[in-house]
N, C-alpha and C. Protein backbone atom coordinates (compact mmCIF):
# COMPACT_ATOMS: atom_id res chain seq x y z
N THR A 1 -50.41 -0.26 32.05
CA THR A 1 -49.20 0.15 32.74
C THR A 1 -48.95 1.65 32.49
N PRO A 2 -48.17 2.29 33.32
CA PRO A 2 -47.86 3.71 33.08
C PRO A 2 -47.24 3.96 31.71
N GLU A 3 -46.38 3.06 31.25
CA GLU A 3 -45.75 3.25 29.93
C GLU A 3 -46.80 3.30 28.82
N ILE A 4 -47.75 2.39 28.89
CA ILE A 4 -48.80 2.35 27.87
C ILE A 4 -49.70 3.57 28.00
N ALA A 5 -50.02 3.97 29.22
CA ALA A 5 -50.87 5.15 29.43
C ALA A 5 -50.22 6.41 28.84
N VAL A 6 -48.92 6.57 29.04
CA VAL A 6 -48.21 7.73 28.51
C VAL A 6 -48.12 7.65 26.98
N LEU A 7 -47.85 6.46 26.46
CA LEU A 7 -47.81 6.28 25.01
C LEU A 7 -49.18 6.58 24.40
N ARG A 8 -50.25 6.11 25.04
CA ARG A 8 -51.60 6.38 24.54
C ARG A 8 -51.86 7.89 24.50
N ASP A 9 -51.44 8.59 25.56
CA ASP A 9 -51.61 10.04 25.59
C ASP A 9 -50.87 10.70 24.41
N LYS A 10 -49.67 10.24 24.14
CA LYS A 10 -48.90 10.77 23.02
C LYS A 10 -49.63 10.51 21.70
N GLN A 11 -50.17 9.31 21.55
CA GLN A 11 -50.89 8.97 20.32
C GLN A 11 -52.15 9.82 20.16
N VAL A 12 -52.86 10.05 21.28
CA VAL A 12 -54.05 10.89 21.23
C VAL A 12 -53.69 12.31 20.81
N LYS A 13 -52.62 12.84 21.37
CA LYS A 13 -52.18 14.19 21.00
C LYS A 13 -51.78 14.26 19.53
N ASN A 14 -51.15 13.19 19.03
CA ASN A 14 -50.80 13.13 17.61
C ASN A 14 -52.06 13.11 16.74
N LEU A 15 -53.08 12.38 17.18
CA LEU A 15 -54.33 12.33 16.42
C LEU A 15 -55.02 13.70 16.41
N LEU A 16 -54.98 14.38 17.55
CA LEU A 16 -55.56 15.72 17.60
C LEU A 16 -54.81 16.66 16.66
N ALA A 17 -53.50 16.55 16.64
CA ALA A 17 -52.69 17.37 15.72
C ALA A 17 -53.02 17.03 14.27
N THR A 18 -53.23 15.75 13.98
CA THR A 18 -53.60 15.33 12.63
C THR A 18 -54.94 15.94 12.23
N LEU A 19 -55.94 15.86 13.12
CA LEU A 19 -57.25 16.43 12.82
C LEU A 19 -57.14 17.94 12.61
N ARG A 20 -56.40 18.60 13.47
CA ARG A 20 -56.23 20.06 13.32
C ARG A 20 -55.56 20.40 11.99
N GLN A 21 -54.53 19.64 11.66
CA GLN A 21 -53.81 19.90 10.41
C GLN A 21 -54.73 19.68 9.20
N LEU A 22 -55.51 18.60 9.23
CA LEU A 22 -56.43 18.33 8.13
C LEU A 22 -57.49 19.43 8.01
N CYS A 23 -57.96 19.92 9.15
CA CYS A 23 -58.98 20.98 9.13
C CYS A 23 -58.40 22.31 8.67
N THR A 24 -57.19 22.63 9.08
CA THR A 24 -56.61 23.91 8.67
C THR A 24 -56.20 23.90 7.19
N ARG A 25 -55.99 22.73 6.62
CA ARG A 25 -55.71 22.64 5.18
C ARG A 25 -56.96 22.94 4.36
N SER A 26 -58.11 22.76 4.99
CA SER A 26 -59.38 22.97 4.30
C SER A 26 -59.56 24.44 3.97
N ASN A 27 -60.12 24.70 2.82
CA ASN A 27 -60.42 26.07 2.43
C ASN A 27 -61.74 26.55 3.05
N SER A 28 -62.54 25.60 3.56
CA SER A 28 -63.88 25.97 4.00
C SER A 28 -64.03 26.14 5.51
N ILE A 29 -63.13 25.58 6.31
CA ILE A 29 -63.19 25.78 7.76
C ILE A 29 -61.80 26.13 8.27
N SER A 30 -61.74 26.82 9.40
CA SER A 30 -60.44 27.28 9.91
C SER A 30 -59.91 26.41 11.04
N LYS A 31 -60.79 25.68 11.72
CA LYS A 31 -60.33 24.80 12.80
C LYS A 31 -61.31 23.65 12.97
N GLU A 32 -60.86 22.63 13.70
CA GLU A 32 -61.71 21.45 13.89
C GLU A 32 -62.87 21.80 14.83
N PRO A 33 -64.00 21.13 14.66
CA PRO A 33 -65.12 21.35 15.58
C PRO A 33 -64.71 20.98 17.01
N GLY A 34 -65.14 21.77 17.99
CA GLY A 34 -64.78 21.53 19.39
C GLY A 34 -65.15 20.14 19.87
N ASN A 35 -64.24 19.50 20.56
CA ASN A 35 -64.41 18.15 21.12
C ASN A 35 -64.69 17.08 20.08
N ALA A 36 -64.44 17.35 18.82
CA ALA A 36 -64.73 16.38 17.77
C ALA A 36 -63.93 15.08 17.96
N LEU A 37 -62.67 15.21 18.33
CA LEU A 37 -61.85 14.01 18.50
C LEU A 37 -62.33 13.18 19.69
N THR A 38 -62.70 13.83 20.78
CA THR A 38 -63.19 13.10 21.94
C THR A 38 -64.47 12.35 21.59
N ARG A 39 -65.37 12.99 20.87
CA ARG A 39 -66.60 12.30 20.45
C ARG A 39 -66.28 11.16 19.49
N PHE A 40 -65.29 11.37 18.62
CA PHE A 40 -64.86 10.30 17.71
C PHE A 40 -64.40 9.08 18.51
N PHE A 41 -63.60 9.31 19.55
CA PHE A 41 -63.15 8.20 20.40
C PHE A 41 -64.35 7.52 21.06
N PHE A 42 -65.20 8.32 21.68
CA PHE A 42 -66.31 7.77 22.44
C PHE A 42 -67.28 7.00 21.54
N LEU A 43 -67.73 7.61 20.47
CA LEU A 43 -68.72 6.97 19.62
C LEU A 43 -68.15 5.75 18.90
N SER A 44 -66.91 5.81 18.50
CA SER A 44 -66.29 4.66 17.84
C SER A 44 -66.14 3.48 18.79
N ASN A 45 -66.02 3.78 20.08
CA ASN A 45 -65.87 2.71 21.05
C ASN A 45 -67.20 2.09 21.47
N LEU A 46 -68.30 2.60 20.95
CA LEU A 46 -69.59 1.96 21.21
C LEU A 46 -69.75 0.71 20.37
N VAL A 47 -68.96 0.61 19.30
CA VAL A 47 -68.98 -0.56 18.44
C VAL A 47 -68.13 -1.65 19.10
N PRO A 48 -68.67 -2.88 19.23
CA PRO A 48 -67.88 -3.96 19.85
C PRO A 48 -66.56 -4.17 19.14
N LYS A 49 -65.54 -4.47 19.93
CA LYS A 49 -64.20 -4.69 19.39
C LYS A 49 -63.86 -6.17 19.45
N HIS A 50 -63.20 -6.62 18.41
CA HIS A 50 -62.85 -8.03 18.37
C HIS A 50 -61.43 -8.29 17.91
N GLY A 51 -60.71 -7.28 17.51
CA GLY A 51 -59.37 -7.47 16.99
C GLY A 51 -58.32 -7.44 18.08
N GLU A 52 -57.17 -8.04 17.79
CA GLU A 52 -56.10 -8.09 18.79
C GLU A 52 -55.43 -6.75 19.01
N THR A 53 -55.54 -5.84 18.03
CA THR A 53 -54.91 -4.53 18.20
C THR A 53 -55.87 -3.50 18.78
N ASP A 54 -57.06 -3.91 19.21
CA ASP A 54 -58.04 -2.97 19.76
C ASP A 54 -57.51 -2.31 21.02
N ASP A 55 -57.80 -1.03 21.13
CA ASP A 55 -57.40 -0.23 22.27
C ASP A 55 -58.66 0.26 22.97
N PRO A 56 -58.64 0.38 24.30
CA PRO A 56 -59.86 0.83 24.99
C PRO A 56 -60.24 2.28 24.72
N LEU A 57 -59.34 3.07 24.17
CA LEU A 57 -59.65 4.48 23.91
C LEU A 57 -59.63 4.81 22.42
N ILE A 58 -58.59 4.39 21.74
CA ILE A 58 -58.39 4.78 20.34
C ILE A 58 -59.07 3.77 19.42
N PRO A 59 -60.00 4.24 18.57
CA PRO A 59 -60.69 3.32 17.68
C PRO A 59 -59.77 2.77 16.61
N SER A 60 -59.99 1.51 16.26
CA SER A 60 -59.15 0.89 15.24
C SER A 60 -60.00 0.11 14.25
N ASN A 61 -61.24 0.53 14.06
CA ASN A 61 -62.12 -0.21 13.15
C ASN A 61 -61.91 0.15 11.68
N GLY A 62 -61.17 1.21 11.42
CA GLY A 62 -60.80 1.55 10.05
C GLY A 62 -61.91 2.15 9.20
N GLY A 63 -63.10 2.26 9.71
CA GLY A 63 -64.19 2.81 8.91
C GLY A 63 -64.31 4.31 9.07
N MET A 64 -65.12 4.89 8.18
CA MET A 64 -65.36 6.32 8.28
C MET A 64 -66.41 6.57 9.36
N ASP A 65 -66.13 7.50 10.24
CA ASP A 65 -67.04 7.82 11.33
C ASP A 65 -68.09 8.82 10.84
N SER A 66 -69.35 8.38 10.82
CA SER A 66 -70.42 9.22 10.28
C SER A 66 -70.69 10.44 11.15
N CYS A 67 -70.50 10.32 12.46
CA CYS A 67 -70.72 11.48 13.36
C CYS A 67 -69.67 12.56 13.12
N LEU A 68 -68.42 12.16 13.00
CA LEU A 68 -67.37 13.13 12.70
C LEU A 68 -67.63 13.77 11.34
N HIS A 69 -68.04 12.95 10.38
CA HIS A 69 -68.36 13.46 9.05
C HIS A 69 -69.44 14.54 9.14
N ARG A 70 -70.51 14.28 9.91
CA ARG A 70 -71.58 15.27 10.07
C ARG A 70 -71.07 16.54 10.74
N GLU A 71 -70.21 16.38 11.75
CA GLU A 71 -69.66 17.56 12.44
C GLU A 71 -68.83 18.42 11.49
N LEU A 72 -68.03 17.76 10.67
CA LEU A 72 -67.20 18.51 9.72
C LEU A 72 -68.08 19.21 8.67
N LEU A 73 -69.14 18.54 8.25
CA LEU A 73 -70.08 19.16 7.31
C LEU A 73 -70.75 20.37 7.95
N LYS A 74 -71.18 20.22 9.22
CA LYS A 74 -71.81 21.35 9.92
C LYS A 74 -70.87 22.53 10.05
N ALA A 75 -69.57 22.23 10.21
CA ALA A 75 -68.57 23.30 10.34
C ALA A 75 -68.29 23.98 9.00
N GLY A 76 -68.84 23.40 7.91
CA GLY A 76 -68.69 24.03 6.60
C GLY A 76 -67.76 23.32 5.64
N MET A 77 -67.26 22.14 6.00
CA MET A 77 -66.33 21.43 5.12
C MET A 77 -67.10 20.79 3.95
N ASP A 78 -66.49 20.78 2.82
CA ASP A 78 -67.03 20.14 1.62
C ASP A 78 -67.21 18.64 1.89
N PRO A 79 -68.30 18.00 1.39
CA PRO A 79 -68.55 16.58 1.66
C PRO A 79 -67.40 15.64 1.28
N SER A 80 -66.83 15.80 0.11
CA SER A 80 -65.74 14.89 -0.28
C SER A 80 -64.49 15.13 0.58
N GLU A 81 -64.25 16.39 0.92
CA GLU A 81 -63.11 16.71 1.79
C GLU A 81 -63.34 16.14 3.20
N SER A 82 -64.58 16.21 3.67
CA SER A 82 -64.92 15.65 4.98
C SER A 82 -64.71 14.14 5.00
N GLU A 83 -65.16 13.46 3.95
CA GLU A 83 -64.96 12.01 3.86
C GLU A 83 -63.48 11.66 3.87
N SER A 84 -62.70 12.42 3.12
CA SER A 84 -61.26 12.19 3.07
C SER A 84 -60.62 12.43 4.44
N THR A 85 -61.04 13.50 5.12
CA THR A 85 -60.52 13.81 6.46
C THR A 85 -60.85 12.69 7.44
N CYS A 86 -62.10 12.23 7.40
CA CYS A 86 -62.51 11.13 8.29
C CYS A 86 -61.70 9.87 8.03
N LYS A 87 -61.50 9.56 6.76
CA LYS A 87 -60.74 8.35 6.40
C LYS A 87 -59.30 8.47 6.86
N GLN A 88 -58.68 9.64 6.64
CA GLN A 88 -57.29 9.83 7.06
C GLN A 88 -57.16 9.74 8.58
N LEU A 89 -58.12 10.33 9.31
CA LEU A 89 -58.08 10.26 10.76
C LEU A 89 -58.29 8.83 11.24
N SER A 90 -59.21 8.13 10.60
CA SER A 90 -59.46 6.73 10.97
C SER A 90 -58.23 5.87 10.72
N ASP A 91 -57.57 6.08 9.60
CA ASP A 91 -56.34 5.34 9.30
C ASP A 91 -55.25 5.65 10.33
N ALA A 92 -55.13 6.93 10.69
CA ALA A 92 -54.13 7.33 11.69
C ALA A 92 -54.47 6.71 13.05
N ALA A 93 -55.75 6.64 13.39
CA ALA A 93 -56.16 6.03 14.66
C ALA A 93 -55.85 4.54 14.67
N THR A 94 -56.08 3.88 13.56
CA THR A 94 -55.76 2.45 13.46
C THR A 94 -54.26 2.22 13.66
N GLU A 95 -53.45 3.07 13.05
CA GLU A 95 -51.99 2.97 13.23
C GLU A 95 -51.58 3.25 14.68
N ALA A 96 -52.23 4.22 15.30
CA ALA A 96 -51.93 4.55 16.71
C ALA A 96 -52.28 3.37 17.61
N ALA A 97 -53.45 2.78 17.39
CA ALA A 97 -53.86 1.62 18.19
C ALA A 97 -52.88 0.45 17.99
N LYS A 98 -52.42 0.30 16.76
CA LYS A 98 -51.45 -0.77 16.46
C LYS A 98 -50.13 -0.51 17.19
N ALA A 99 -49.68 0.74 17.21
CA ALA A 99 -48.43 1.08 17.91
C ALA A 99 -48.55 0.78 19.41
N ILE A 100 -49.70 1.08 19.98
CA ILE A 100 -49.91 0.79 21.40
C ILE A 100 -49.92 -0.71 21.64
N TRP A 101 -50.61 -1.45 20.77
CA TRP A 101 -50.66 -2.91 20.90
C TRP A 101 -49.24 -3.49 20.81
N GLU A 102 -48.45 -3.00 19.86
CA GLU A 102 -47.07 -3.50 19.72
C GLU A 102 -46.26 -3.21 20.98
N ALA A 103 -46.42 -2.03 21.54
CA ALA A 103 -45.71 -1.69 22.78
C ALA A 103 -46.16 -2.58 23.93
N ARG A 104 -47.47 -2.87 23.99
CA ARG A 104 -47.98 -3.76 25.05
C ARG A 104 -47.40 -5.16 24.91
N THR A 105 -47.29 -5.66 23.70
CA THR A 105 -46.78 -7.01 23.51
C THR A 105 -45.27 -7.09 23.77
N GLN A 106 -44.56 -5.99 23.56
CA GLN A 106 -43.12 -5.97 23.80
C GLN A 106 -42.77 -5.71 25.26
N ASN A 107 -43.68 -5.10 26.00
CA ASN A 107 -43.43 -4.77 27.41
C ASN A 107 -43.66 -6.02 28.25
N ARG A 108 -42.62 -6.59 28.76
CA ARG A 108 -42.70 -7.82 29.55
C ARG A 108 -42.79 -7.55 31.05
N ARG A 109 -42.82 -6.28 31.42
CA ARG A 109 -42.86 -5.94 32.85
C ARG A 109 -44.22 -6.25 33.44
N ARG A 110 -44.20 -6.78 34.62
CA ARG A 110 -45.45 -7.00 35.36
C ARG A 110 -45.86 -5.68 36.00
N VAL A 111 -47.15 -5.48 36.13
CA VAL A 111 -47.65 -4.22 36.67
C VAL A 111 -47.09 -3.95 38.06
N GLU A 112 -46.82 -5.00 38.82
CA GLU A 112 -46.27 -4.84 40.17
C GLU A 112 -44.90 -4.18 40.17
N SER A 113 -44.17 -4.32 39.08
CA SER A 113 -42.83 -3.74 39.02
C SER A 113 -42.85 -2.21 38.98
N TYR A 114 -44.02 -1.63 38.71
CA TYR A 114 -44.14 -0.17 38.67
C TYR A 114 -44.41 0.44 40.04
N ILE A 115 -44.73 -0.38 41.03
CA ILE A 115 -45.12 0.13 42.35
C ILE A 115 -44.10 1.12 42.91
N PRO A 116 -42.80 0.80 42.93
CA PRO A 116 -41.86 1.78 43.51
C PRO A 116 -41.64 3.02 42.65
N GLU A 117 -42.06 2.98 41.38
CA GLU A 117 -41.80 4.10 40.47
C GLU A 117 -42.87 5.18 40.49
N VAL A 118 -44.09 4.82 40.89
CA VAL A 118 -45.18 5.79 40.91
C VAL A 118 -45.31 6.32 42.33
N VAL A 119 -45.19 7.63 42.46
CA VAL A 119 -45.21 8.24 43.79
C VAL A 119 -46.26 9.34 43.85
N GLU A 120 -46.67 9.63 45.06
CA GLU A 120 -47.60 10.73 45.26
C GLU A 120 -46.91 11.81 46.05
N LYS A 121 -47.31 13.05 45.79
CA LYS A 121 -46.73 14.19 46.49
C LYS A 121 -47.87 15.13 46.86
N GLU A 122 -48.03 15.35 48.14
CA GLU A 122 -49.07 16.25 48.64
C GLU A 122 -48.66 17.69 48.37
N MET A 123 -49.61 18.48 47.89
CA MET A 123 -49.33 19.88 47.64
C MET A 123 -50.11 20.73 48.64
N LEU A 124 -49.70 21.96 48.83
CA LEU A 124 -50.34 22.83 49.81
C LEU A 124 -51.74 23.28 49.40
N ASN A 125 -52.07 23.25 48.14
CA ASN A 125 -53.35 23.76 47.65
C ASN A 125 -54.43 22.68 47.52
N ARG A 126 -54.41 21.70 48.40
CA ARG A 126 -55.38 20.61 48.43
C ARG A 126 -55.35 19.77 47.17
N GLN A 127 -54.19 19.67 46.57
CA GLN A 127 -53.98 18.86 45.38
C GLN A 127 -52.96 17.78 45.71
N VAL A 128 -53.04 16.69 44.96
CA VAL A 128 -52.08 15.61 45.09
C VAL A 128 -51.48 15.37 43.71
N GLN A 129 -50.16 15.32 43.66
CA GLN A 129 -49.49 14.98 42.41
C GLN A 129 -49.22 13.48 42.40
N ILE A 130 -49.50 12.85 41.27
CA ILE A 130 -49.17 11.45 41.05
C ILE A 130 -48.10 11.46 39.96
N ILE A 131 -46.93 10.95 40.30
CA ILE A 131 -45.76 11.13 39.44
C ILE A 131 -45.19 9.77 39.01
N TRP A 132 -44.95 9.65 37.72
CA TRP A 132 -44.20 8.51 37.18
C TRP A 132 -43.19 9.09 36.18
N ARG A 133 -41.93 8.82 36.46
CA ARG A 133 -40.83 9.36 35.66
C ARG A 133 -40.99 10.86 35.49
N ASP A 134 -41.11 11.36 34.26
CA ASP A 134 -41.21 12.81 34.05
C ASP A 134 -42.65 13.27 33.81
N THR A 135 -43.62 12.41 34.12
CA THR A 135 -45.02 12.77 33.94
C THR A 135 -45.67 12.99 35.30
N THR A 136 -46.21 14.17 35.49
CA THR A 136 -46.89 14.53 36.73
C THR A 136 -48.35 14.83 36.44
N LEU A 137 -49.23 14.14 37.14
CA LEU A 137 -50.67 14.36 37.01
C LEU A 137 -51.20 14.84 38.34
N VAL A 138 -52.21 15.68 38.31
CA VAL A 138 -52.71 16.30 39.54
C VAL A 138 -54.17 15.92 39.74
N ILE A 139 -54.51 15.66 41.00
CA ILE A 139 -55.89 15.35 41.37
C ILE A 139 -56.22 16.10 42.65
N ASN A 140 -57.45 16.56 42.75
CA ASN A 140 -57.94 17.21 43.96
C ASN A 140 -57.88 16.22 45.12
N ARG A 141 -57.47 16.67 46.29
CA ARG A 141 -57.31 15.78 47.45
C ARG A 141 -58.62 15.05 47.80
N GLU A 142 -59.76 15.75 47.74
CA GLU A 142 -61.04 15.11 48.04
C GLU A 142 -61.35 14.00 47.05
N HIS A 143 -61.08 14.23 45.77
CA HIS A 143 -61.32 13.21 44.75
C HIS A 143 -60.38 12.03 44.95
N TYR A 144 -59.14 12.33 45.29
CA TYR A 144 -58.16 11.28 45.57
C TYR A 144 -58.66 10.37 46.68
N LEU A 145 -59.12 10.98 47.77
CA LEU A 145 -59.59 10.19 48.92
C LEU A 145 -60.83 9.37 48.57
N LYS A 146 -61.72 9.93 47.77
CA LYS A 146 -62.92 9.21 47.37
C LYS A 146 -62.57 8.01 46.50
N ILE A 147 -61.69 8.22 45.52
CA ILE A 147 -61.28 7.11 44.65
C ILE A 147 -60.58 6.03 45.47
N LYS A 148 -59.71 6.45 46.38
CA LYS A 148 -58.98 5.48 47.22
C LYS A 148 -59.96 4.66 48.06
N LYS A 149 -60.96 5.33 48.64
CA LYS A 149 -61.95 4.63 49.47
C LYS A 149 -62.72 3.60 48.63
N LEU A 150 -63.19 4.01 47.46
CA LEU A 150 -63.92 3.10 46.58
C LEU A 150 -63.04 1.94 46.11
N TYR A 151 -61.80 2.24 45.82
CA TYR A 151 -60.84 1.22 45.39
C TYR A 151 -60.65 0.19 46.50
N ASP A 152 -60.44 0.67 47.72
CA ASP A 152 -60.22 -0.23 48.86
C ASP A 152 -61.48 -1.05 49.17
N GLU A 153 -62.65 -0.43 49.05
CA GLU A 153 -63.90 -1.14 49.33
C GLU A 153 -64.11 -2.31 48.38
N GLN A 154 -63.56 -2.23 47.19
CA GLN A 154 -63.69 -3.32 46.22
C GLN A 154 -62.69 -4.44 46.46
N GLY A 155 -61.79 -4.25 47.43
CA GLY A 155 -60.83 -5.30 47.77
C GLY A 155 -59.66 -5.41 46.83
N HIS A 156 -59.37 -4.36 46.09
CA HIS A 156 -58.23 -4.39 45.16
C HIS A 156 -56.91 -4.31 45.94
N ASP A 157 -55.84 -4.72 45.30
CA ASP A 157 -54.50 -4.70 45.90
C ASP A 157 -54.10 -3.25 46.18
N SER A 158 -53.98 -2.91 47.44
CA SER A 158 -53.69 -1.52 47.83
C SER A 158 -52.32 -1.06 47.35
N GLN A 159 -51.39 -1.99 47.16
CA GLN A 159 -50.06 -1.60 46.67
C GLN A 159 -50.10 -1.11 45.22
N LEU A 160 -51.11 -1.55 44.47
CA LEU A 160 -51.21 -1.15 43.07
C LEU A 160 -52.03 0.13 42.87
N PHE A 161 -52.55 0.69 43.95
CA PHE A 161 -53.45 1.84 43.83
C PHE A 161 -52.82 2.99 43.05
N LEU A 162 -51.63 3.42 43.40
CA LEU A 162 -51.02 4.57 42.73
C LEU A 162 -50.74 4.29 41.26
N VAL A 163 -50.34 3.06 40.95
CA VAL A 163 -50.08 2.70 39.55
C VAL A 163 -51.38 2.81 38.75
N ARG A 164 -52.45 2.25 39.31
CA ARG A 164 -53.73 2.28 38.61
C ARG A 164 -54.31 3.69 38.56
N LEU A 165 -54.12 4.46 39.61
CA LEU A 165 -54.60 5.84 39.62
C LEU A 165 -53.86 6.66 38.57
N PHE A 166 -52.55 6.45 38.46
CA PHE A 166 -51.78 7.15 37.44
C PHE A 166 -52.36 6.86 36.06
N CYS A 167 -52.63 5.59 35.77
CA CYS A 167 -53.16 5.21 34.46
C CYS A 167 -54.54 5.83 34.22
N LEU A 168 -55.38 5.85 35.25
CA LEU A 168 -56.70 6.46 35.14
C LEU A 168 -56.59 7.96 34.86
N LEU A 169 -55.77 8.65 35.64
CA LEU A 169 -55.61 10.10 35.45
C LEU A 169 -55.00 10.42 34.09
N GLN A 170 -54.08 9.57 33.64
CA GLN A 170 -53.46 9.80 32.33
C GLN A 170 -54.49 9.64 31.22
N ARG A 171 -55.40 8.68 31.38
CA ARG A 171 -56.44 8.51 30.37
C ARG A 171 -57.38 9.72 30.37
N TYR A 172 -57.77 10.20 31.56
CA TYR A 172 -58.59 11.41 31.62
C TYR A 172 -57.88 12.58 30.96
N GLU A 173 -56.60 12.71 31.22
CA GLU A 173 -55.82 13.78 30.61
C GLU A 173 -55.81 13.63 29.09
N SER A 174 -55.73 12.40 28.62
CA SER A 174 -55.70 12.15 27.18
C SER A 174 -56.99 12.58 26.50
N ILE A 175 -58.12 12.33 27.14
CA ILE A 175 -59.39 12.63 26.46
C ILE A 175 -59.90 14.03 26.69
N GLY A 176 -59.34 14.74 27.66
CA GLY A 176 -59.88 16.07 27.84
C GLY A 176 -59.13 16.98 28.76
N GLY A 177 -58.25 16.47 29.55
CA GLY A 177 -57.47 17.32 30.43
C GLY A 177 -58.25 17.83 31.62
N ALA A 178 -57.63 18.71 32.37
CA ALA A 178 -58.23 19.26 33.58
C ALA A 178 -59.52 19.99 33.25
N GLY A 179 -60.51 19.77 34.09
CA GLY A 179 -61.78 20.45 33.92
C GLY A 179 -62.65 19.84 32.83
N TYR A 180 -62.34 18.64 32.41
CA TYR A 180 -63.12 17.97 31.38
C TYR A 180 -64.57 17.87 31.81
N GLN A 181 -65.48 18.29 30.98
CA GLN A 181 -66.88 18.42 31.37
C GLN A 181 -67.79 17.36 30.76
N ALA A 182 -67.32 16.15 30.59
CA ALA A 182 -68.16 15.09 30.07
C ALA A 182 -68.64 14.19 31.20
N ALA A 183 -68.70 14.72 32.39
CA ALA A 183 -69.14 13.95 33.55
C ALA A 183 -70.61 13.60 33.42
N ILE A 184 -71.00 12.51 34.05
CA ILE A 184 -72.40 12.11 34.05
C ILE A 184 -72.95 12.24 35.47
N PRO A 185 -74.25 12.41 35.60
CA PRO A 185 -74.83 12.59 36.93
C PRO A 185 -74.82 11.29 37.73
N SER A 186 -75.03 11.42 39.04
CA SER A 186 -74.99 10.25 39.92
C SER A 186 -76.04 9.22 39.53
N SER A 187 -77.18 9.64 38.99
CA SER A 187 -78.21 8.69 38.56
C SER A 187 -77.68 7.78 37.44
N ALA A 188 -76.86 8.33 36.57
CA ALA A 188 -76.28 7.52 35.50
C ALA A 188 -75.27 6.53 36.07
N PHE A 189 -74.48 6.96 37.07
CA PHE A 189 -73.55 6.04 37.72
C PHE A 189 -74.31 4.90 38.40
N ARG A 190 -75.45 5.22 39.05
CA ARG A 190 -76.27 4.17 39.69
C ARG A 190 -76.76 3.16 38.66
N THR A 191 -77.20 3.67 37.52
CA THR A 191 -77.66 2.79 36.45
C THR A 191 -76.54 1.89 35.97
N LEU A 192 -75.35 2.46 35.79
CA LEU A 192 -74.20 1.65 35.38
C LEU A 192 -73.91 0.56 36.40
N GLN A 193 -73.97 0.92 37.67
CA GLN A 193 -73.67 -0.04 38.73
C GLN A 193 -74.75 -1.11 38.81
N GLU A 194 -76.01 -0.71 38.80
CA GLU A 194 -77.11 -1.66 38.97
C GLU A 194 -77.30 -2.56 37.75
N ASN A 195 -77.16 -2.02 36.56
CA ASN A 195 -77.44 -2.79 35.35
C ASN A 195 -76.23 -3.44 34.70
N PHE A 196 -75.04 -2.88 34.97
CA PHE A 196 -73.86 -3.39 34.30
C PHE A 196 -72.74 -3.78 35.25
N SER A 197 -72.99 -3.72 36.56
CA SER A 197 -72.02 -4.10 37.59
C SER A 197 -70.74 -3.29 37.53
N VAL A 198 -70.83 -2.05 37.06
CA VAL A 198 -69.67 -1.16 37.05
C VAL A 198 -69.40 -0.73 38.48
N ALA A 199 -68.18 -0.94 38.96
CA ALA A 199 -67.87 -0.68 40.38
C ALA A 199 -67.02 0.56 40.58
N HIS A 200 -66.50 1.17 39.55
CA HIS A 200 -65.69 2.39 39.70
C HIS A 200 -65.72 3.22 38.47
């Protein structure tokens, strides 16, 4: 739902602030390694999830992430300090995932109830704004039309399109914001579709 998507974004920003704070406290490095948090999310989510508080973006496995540990070591952090930083970030991520799970369990609204609240606004610069309450997300008009076409081709409920698009864009914003460069080539998308039945 949009509420959960916005809460997740807030939790991700808090985790980034936590990582930055932990890194700036270090005497050996001045800032966190670039995209370290995004890789932490991605790599941690390669591990199968089985808990009720699991989140699709924020890891909640509670373990120390060896990739983040290596990145912090490469950046010059002391090994014991790196382990402590990884543990503190992992604990904070587990708490963030738990907060999202608690909000999901308390939110009794059906996704359909958000339909009148999420609106689109065409802009003059070939951009479309997708707006829910005080959160505005922007998508290129061509990308909007492509996503809409693919969504419709799959037979999804067209009334829910803007709600789902808002949640998708909010998640992209959470992991990297505008211009995020972790895109994969079309051959990788074909592989996902052919081997794993990924449709969007």
